[in-house]
Amino acid sequence: MKIGFKPPDKLVEVIEVLQRIDDKLGMQANQVKMPEKRLLDLSEASVFIGLPKGSLYNMCCRKLIPVVRINRKLLFDKEKLVQWIATNSVEARDLRRGA
C-alpha cells in the first residue's frame, strides 16, 4: 500500500512565494560586488609575496618592508607591497655579452 502526501493549497502558495523571493535575492547577490581588500594580514601578505610568515615578520622587525601597525596587528598595503617589489627587483644580466 502506498501512502501519498499532498500539501495543502496554502502551503503550495507559500512555497512558490518563497522560491520567487529566493530567485530575486540570488539575482541581487550577483549584482553586488564587494570592494577588493586593500590591507592584508601577515598570512595573506606571505601568500601574496611568496615568502614564509616568519621571514616576512623578521623583515618587518628590521624595517625592510612597508607595514601598517594597528595596535599589535601587522597589516600590509597591497599597493605599497607592489611598489616595494618593483623597487627591490634586480634586472638579470645577459650572460651572452660576457658582462
N, C-alpha and C. Protein backbone atom coordinates (compact mmCIF):
# COMPACT_ATOMS: atom_id res chain seq x y z
N MET A 1 0.83 -1.17 0.00
CA MET A 1 0.00 0.00 0.00
C MET A 1 0.89 1.24 0.00
N LYS A 2 0.60 2.17 -0.84
CA LYS A 2 1.39 3.38 -1.00
C LYS A 2 0.65 4.55 -0.37
N ILE A 3 1.36 5.26 0.47
CA ILE A 3 0.75 6.42 1.12
C ILE A 3 1.34 7.67 0.49
N GLY A 4 0.51 8.53 -0.01
CA GLY A 4 0.98 9.76 -0.64
C GLY A 4 0.66 10.96 0.24
N PHE A 5 1.41 12.01 0.00
CA PHE A 5 1.18 13.23 0.76
C PHE A 5 0.94 14.36 -0.23
N LYS A 6 -0.15 15.02 -0.06
CA LYS A 6 -0.46 16.18 -0.89
C LYS A 6 -0.52 17.40 0.02
N PRO A 7 0.38 18.36 -0.20
CA PRO A 7 0.38 19.54 0.67
C PRO A 7 -0.88 20.36 0.45
N PRO A 8 -1.32 21.02 1.48
CA PRO A 8 -2.49 21.89 1.33
C PRO A 8 -2.20 23.02 0.34
N ASP A 9 -3.26 23.56 -0.25
CA ASP A 9 -3.11 24.60 -1.27
C ASP A 9 -2.34 25.82 -0.76
N LYS A 10 -2.59 26.22 0.46
CA LYS A 10 -1.90 27.39 1.03
C LYS A 10 -0.40 27.13 1.12
N LEU A 11 -0.01 25.91 1.46
CA LEU A 11 1.41 25.58 1.58
C LEU A 11 2.10 25.68 0.23
N VAL A 12 1.42 25.25 -0.82
CA VAL A 12 1.97 25.36 -2.17
C VAL A 12 2.19 26.83 -2.53
N GLU A 13 1.25 27.68 -2.20
CA GLU A 13 1.38 29.11 -2.47
C GLU A 13 2.55 29.72 -1.71
N VAL A 14 2.70 29.32 -0.47
CA VAL A 14 3.80 29.83 0.35
C VAL A 14 5.14 29.39 -0.24
N ILE A 15 5.22 28.15 -0.67
CA ILE A 15 6.46 27.65 -1.27
C ILE A 15 6.78 28.42 -2.54
N GLU A 16 5.79 28.70 -3.37
CA GLU A 16 6.02 29.46 -4.60
C GLU A 16 6.51 30.88 -4.30
N VAL A 17 5.92 31.52 -3.30
CA VAL A 17 6.34 32.87 -2.92
C VAL A 17 7.78 32.84 -2.42
N LEU A 18 8.11 31.86 -1.61
CA LEU A 18 9.48 31.75 -1.09
C LEU A 18 10.49 31.50 -2.21
N GLN A 19 10.11 30.72 -3.21
CA GLN A 19 11.00 30.47 -4.34
C GLN A 19 11.22 31.75 -5.15
N ARG A 20 10.18 32.55 -5.33
CA ARG A 20 10.34 33.82 -6.04
C ARG A 20 11.24 34.78 -5.28
N ILE A 21 11.07 34.82 -3.97
CA ILE A 21 11.93 35.68 -3.13
C ILE A 21 13.38 35.22 -3.24
N ASP A 22 13.59 33.91 -3.18
CA ASP A 22 14.94 33.35 -3.28
C ASP A 22 15.56 33.69 -4.63
N ASP A 23 14.79 33.60 -5.70
CA ASP A 23 15.29 33.94 -7.03
C ASP A 23 15.70 35.41 -7.10
N LYS A 24 14.88 36.30 -6.54
CA LYS A 24 15.21 37.73 -6.56
C LYS A 24 16.45 38.03 -5.73
N LEU A 25 16.57 37.40 -4.59
CA LEU A 25 17.75 37.61 -3.75
C LEU A 25 19.00 37.08 -4.44
N GLY A 26 18.87 35.98 -5.12
CA GLY A 26 20.00 35.41 -5.84
C GLY A 26 20.48 36.33 -6.94
N MET A 27 19.55 36.97 -7.65
CA MET A 27 19.94 37.90 -8.71
C MET A 27 20.61 39.13 -8.12
N GLN A 28 20.12 39.63 -7.00
CA GLN A 28 20.72 40.82 -6.39
C GLN A 28 22.10 40.51 -5.85
N ALA A 29 22.31 39.31 -5.33
CA ALA A 29 23.63 38.95 -4.81
C ALA A 29 24.66 38.92 -5.92
N ASN A 30 24.26 38.53 -7.13
CA ASN A 30 25.20 38.51 -8.25
C ASN A 30 25.53 39.92 -8.73
N GLN A 31 24.64 40.88 -8.53
CA GLN A 31 24.86 42.24 -8.99
C GLN A 31 25.75 43.03 -8.05
N VAL A 32 25.77 42.69 -6.77
CA VAL A 32 26.54 43.42 -5.78
C VAL A 32 27.97 42.89 -5.77
N LYS A 33 28.93 43.80 -5.96
CA LYS A 33 30.34 43.41 -5.92
C LYS A 33 30.97 43.96 -4.65
N MET A 34 31.69 43.09 -3.97
CA MET A 34 32.39 43.50 -2.76
C MET A 34 33.66 44.25 -3.16
N PRO A 35 34.01 45.31 -2.43
CA PRO A 35 35.25 46.02 -2.75
C PRO A 35 36.45 45.13 -2.46
N GLU A 36 37.49 45.30 -3.26
CA GLU A 36 38.69 44.49 -3.07
C GLU A 36 39.40 44.93 -1.79
N LYS A 37 39.92 43.98 -1.08
CA LYS A 37 40.59 44.23 0.19
C LYS A 37 41.93 44.91 -0.07
N ARG A 38 42.19 46.03 0.61
CA ARG A 38 43.43 46.77 0.40
C ARG A 38 44.51 46.34 1.38
N LEU A 39 44.15 46.14 2.64
CA LEU A 39 45.13 45.75 3.66
C LEU A 39 45.10 44.24 3.86
N LEU A 40 46.27 43.64 3.87
CA LEU A 40 46.40 42.19 4.06
C LEU A 40 47.02 41.91 5.42
N ASP A 41 46.59 40.83 6.05
CA ASP A 41 47.24 40.43 7.30
C ASP A 41 48.52 39.65 6.95
N LEU A 42 49.23 39.19 7.96
CA LEU A 42 50.53 38.54 7.76
C LEU A 42 50.40 37.30 6.88
N SER A 43 49.39 36.49 7.12
CA SER A 43 49.21 35.26 6.33
C SER A 43 48.91 35.58 4.87
N GLU A 44 48.02 36.52 4.66
CA GLU A 44 47.65 36.89 3.28
C GLU A 44 48.83 37.52 2.54
N ALA A 45 49.59 38.35 3.25
CA ALA A 45 50.75 39.00 2.63
C ALA A 45 51.83 37.98 2.29
N SER A 46 52.00 36.97 3.12
CA SER A 46 53.01 35.95 2.83
C SER A 46 52.64 35.17 1.58
N VAL A 47 51.36 34.92 1.38
CA VAL A 47 50.92 34.25 0.15
C VAL A 47 51.08 35.19 -1.04
N PHE A 48 50.72 36.46 -0.86
CA PHE A 48 50.81 37.46 -1.93
C PHE A 48 52.24 37.62 -2.42
N ILE A 49 53.19 37.70 -1.48
CA ILE A 49 54.60 37.90 -1.84
C ILE A 49 55.29 36.58 -2.17
N GLY A 50 54.88 35.52 -1.50
CA GLY A 50 55.51 34.22 -1.73
C GLY A 50 56.65 33.94 -0.76
N LEU A 51 56.59 34.55 0.42
CA LEU A 51 57.60 34.32 1.46
C LEU A 51 56.94 33.68 2.67
N PRO A 52 57.69 32.90 3.44
CA PRO A 52 57.12 32.35 4.68
C PRO A 52 56.76 33.46 5.67
N LYS A 53 55.79 33.18 6.53
CA LYS A 53 55.35 34.18 7.50
C LYS A 53 56.49 34.62 8.41
N GLY A 54 57.32 33.69 8.82
CA GLY A 54 58.45 34.03 9.71
C GLY A 54 59.41 35.00 9.06
N SER A 55 59.73 34.78 7.80
CA SER A 55 60.64 35.67 7.07
C SER A 55 60.02 37.06 6.95
N LEU A 56 58.75 37.09 6.63
CA LEU A 56 58.05 38.37 6.49
C LEU A 56 58.02 39.12 7.82
N TYR A 57 57.77 38.40 8.91
CA TYR A 57 57.75 39.01 10.24
C TYR A 57 59.13 39.59 10.58
N ASN A 58 60.20 38.83 10.30
CA ASN A 58 61.56 39.31 10.56
C ASN A 58 61.87 40.57 9.75
N MET A 59 61.41 40.59 8.50
CA MET A 59 61.64 41.77 7.67
C MET A 59 60.91 42.99 8.23
N CYS A 60 59.74 42.76 8.83
CA CYS A 60 59.00 43.86 9.46
C CYS A 60 59.76 44.40 10.67
N CYS A 61 60.28 43.49 11.48
CA CYS A 61 61.02 43.91 12.68
C CYS A 61 62.27 44.70 12.31
N ARG A 62 62.90 44.35 11.20
CA ARG A 62 64.11 45.04 10.76
C ARG A 62 63.79 46.23 9.86
N LYS A 63 62.49 46.52 9.68
CA LYS A 63 62.01 47.65 8.88
C LYS A 63 62.53 47.60 7.44
N LEU A 64 62.48 46.40 6.86
CA LEU A 64 62.90 46.22 5.48
C LEU A 64 61.74 46.22 4.50
N ILE A 65 60.52 46.16 5.03
CA ILE A 65 59.34 46.08 4.18
C ILE A 65 58.28 47.02 4.76
N PRO A 66 57.49 47.69 3.93
CA PRO A 66 56.47 48.61 4.46
C PRO A 66 55.35 47.85 5.17
N VAL A 67 54.99 48.34 6.34
CA VAL A 67 53.96 47.68 7.15
C VAL A 67 53.14 48.74 7.87
N VAL A 68 51.88 48.42 8.11
CA VAL A 68 50.99 49.27 8.89
C VAL A 68 50.74 48.54 10.20
N ARG A 69 50.97 49.23 11.30
CA ARG A 69 50.73 48.60 12.61
C ARG A 69 49.49 49.23 13.23
N ILE A 70 48.49 48.40 13.48
CA ILE A 70 47.29 48.83 14.18
C ILE A 70 47.21 48.00 15.45
N ASN A 71 47.33 48.69 16.57
CA ASN A 71 47.51 48.03 17.86
C ASN A 71 48.74 47.14 17.74
N ARG A 72 48.59 45.85 17.85
CA ARG A 72 49.74 44.95 17.72
C ARG A 72 49.67 44.14 16.44
N LYS A 73 48.71 44.45 15.61
CA LYS A 73 48.50 43.68 14.38
C LYS A 73 49.28 44.29 13.23
N LEU A 74 49.94 43.43 12.45
CA LEU A 74 50.68 43.86 11.29
C LEU A 74 49.78 43.74 10.06
N LEU A 75 49.65 44.84 9.32
CA LEU A 75 48.87 44.86 8.10
C LEU A 75 49.73 45.40 6.97
N PHE A 76 49.50 44.90 5.78
CA PHE A 76 50.31 45.27 4.63
C PHE A 76 49.42 45.87 3.55
N ASP A 77 49.79 47.04 3.06
CA ASP A 77 49.07 47.71 1.99
C ASP A 77 49.49 47.06 0.66
N LYS A 78 48.53 46.55 -0.09
CA LYS A 78 48.84 45.86 -1.35
C LYS A 78 49.62 46.75 -2.31
N GLU A 79 49.18 48.01 -2.44
CA GLU A 79 49.85 48.92 -3.37
C GLU A 79 51.31 49.15 -2.99
N LYS A 80 51.56 49.32 -1.70
CA LYS A 80 52.94 49.53 -1.25
C LYS A 80 53.78 48.27 -1.42
N LEU A 81 53.16 47.10 -1.26
CA LEU A 81 53.90 45.86 -1.48
C LEU A 81 54.31 45.73 -2.95
N VAL A 82 53.41 46.10 -3.85
CA VAL A 82 53.73 46.04 -5.28
C VAL A 82 54.86 47.02 -5.59
N GLN A 83 54.82 48.22 -5.01
CA GLN A 83 55.89 49.20 -5.21
C GLN A 83 57.20 48.68 -4.63
N TRP A 84 57.13 48.07 -3.44
CA TRP A 84 58.32 47.53 -2.79
C TRP A 84 58.95 46.44 -3.64
N ILE A 85 58.13 45.59 -4.24
CA ILE A 85 58.64 44.53 -5.11
C ILE A 85 59.33 45.15 -6.33
N ALA A 86 58.70 46.16 -6.92
CA ALA A 86 59.28 46.81 -8.09
C ALA A 86 60.60 47.51 -7.74
N THR A 87 60.66 48.14 -6.58
CA THR A 87 61.87 48.85 -6.16
C THR A 87 63.01 47.88 -5.87
N ASN A 88 62.69 46.73 -5.32
CA ASN A 88 63.73 45.77 -4.94
C ASN A 88 64.01 44.71 -6.00
N SER A 89 63.49 44.91 -7.20
CA SER A 89 63.76 43.98 -8.28
C SER A 89 65.12 44.28 -8.89
N VAL A 90 65.82 43.24 -9.29
CA VAL A 90 67.12 43.38 -9.92
C VAL A 90 67.02 42.78 -11.31
N GLU A 91 67.48 43.52 -12.29
CA GLU A 91 67.45 43.04 -13.67
C GLU A 91 68.49 41.93 -13.84
N ALA A 92 68.13 40.94 -14.61
CA ALA A 92 69.06 39.85 -14.90
C ALA A 92 70.09 40.34 -15.91
N ARG A 93 71.30 39.89 -15.73
CA ARG A 93 72.33 40.31 -16.70
C ARG A 93 72.38 39.31 -17.84
N ASP A 94 72.83 39.79 -18.97
CA ASP A 94 72.90 38.97 -20.18
C ASP A 94 74.23 38.25 -20.17
N LEU A 95 74.21 36.92 -20.02
CA LEU A 95 75.45 36.15 -19.96
C LEU A 95 76.12 36.01 -21.32
N ARG A 96 75.39 36.25 -22.38
CA ARG A 96 75.95 36.14 -23.73
C ARG A 96 76.92 37.27 -24.03
N ARG A 97 76.77 38.39 -23.37
CA ARG A 97 77.65 39.55 -23.63
C ARG A 97 78.96 39.46 -22.85
N GLY A 98 79.01 38.58 -21.88
CA GLY A 98 80.24 38.44 -21.11
C GLY A 98 80.39 39.47 -20.01
N ALA A 99 79.34 40.21 -19.74
CA ALA A 99 79.42 41.27 -18.73
C ALA A 99 78.98 40.76 -17.39
